[in-house]
Amino acid sequence: MVKIRLKRLGYKKNPTYRIVVINDLQKREGKPICELGHY
């Protein structure tokens, strides 16, 4: 099964996020199947 998750990037106290599709067994920071955008 796959999930849509937010992958955290950026600095401490100044986060940016990428919206990614990832296998639910992998870590949040693992290799995504595809990237949908940013937030």
Protein backbone atom coordinates (compact mmCIF):
# COMPACT_ATOMS: atom_id res chain seq x y z
CA MET A 1 0.00 0.00 0.00
CA VAL A 2 1.19 3.53 -0.70
CA LYS A 3 0.58 6.72 1.28
CA ILE A 4 0.78 10.43 0.58
CA ARG A 5 3.11 11.95 3.16
CA LEU A 6 4.97 15.17 3.92
CA LYS A 7 8.76 14.92 3.71
CA ARG A 8 10.40 17.56 5.92
CA LEU A 9 13.15 19.76 4.51
CA GLY A 10 14.63 23.13 5.44
CA TYR A 11 16.25 24.56 8.53
CA LYS A 12 15.57 24.15 12.21
CA LYS A 13 12.49 26.26 13.11
CA ASN A 14 11.97 27.00 9.38
CA PRO A 15 10.64 23.80 7.83
CA THR A 16 9.46 23.28 4.28
CA TYR A 17 7.72 20.13 3.13
CA ARG A 18 7.52 18.07 -0.04
CA ILE A 19 4.35 16.10 -0.72
CA VAL A 20 5.45 12.60 -1.76
CA VAL A 21 3.92 9.21 -2.54
CA ILE A 22 5.79 6.51 -0.61
CA ASN A 23 5.40 2.87 0.33
CA ASP A 24 3.88 2.69 3.83
CA LEU A 25 6.61 0.30 5.03
CA GLN A 26 9.39 2.84 4.35
CA LYS A 27 10.54 5.71 6.57
CA ARG A 28 9.21 9.22 6.00
CA GLU A 29 12.63 10.28 4.70
CA GLY A 30 13.00 7.21 2.44
CA LYS A 31 13.05 7.21 -1.36
CA PRO A 32 9.63 8.31 -2.67
CA ILE A 33 7.77 6.75 -5.60
CA CYS A 34 6.99 10.26 -6.89
CA GLU A 35 6.90 13.85 -5.65
CA LEU A 36 3.60 15.69 -6.04
CA GLY A 37 4.53 19.20 -4.94
CA HIS A 38 5.63 21.30 -1.98
CA TYR A 39 4.06 23.09 0.97
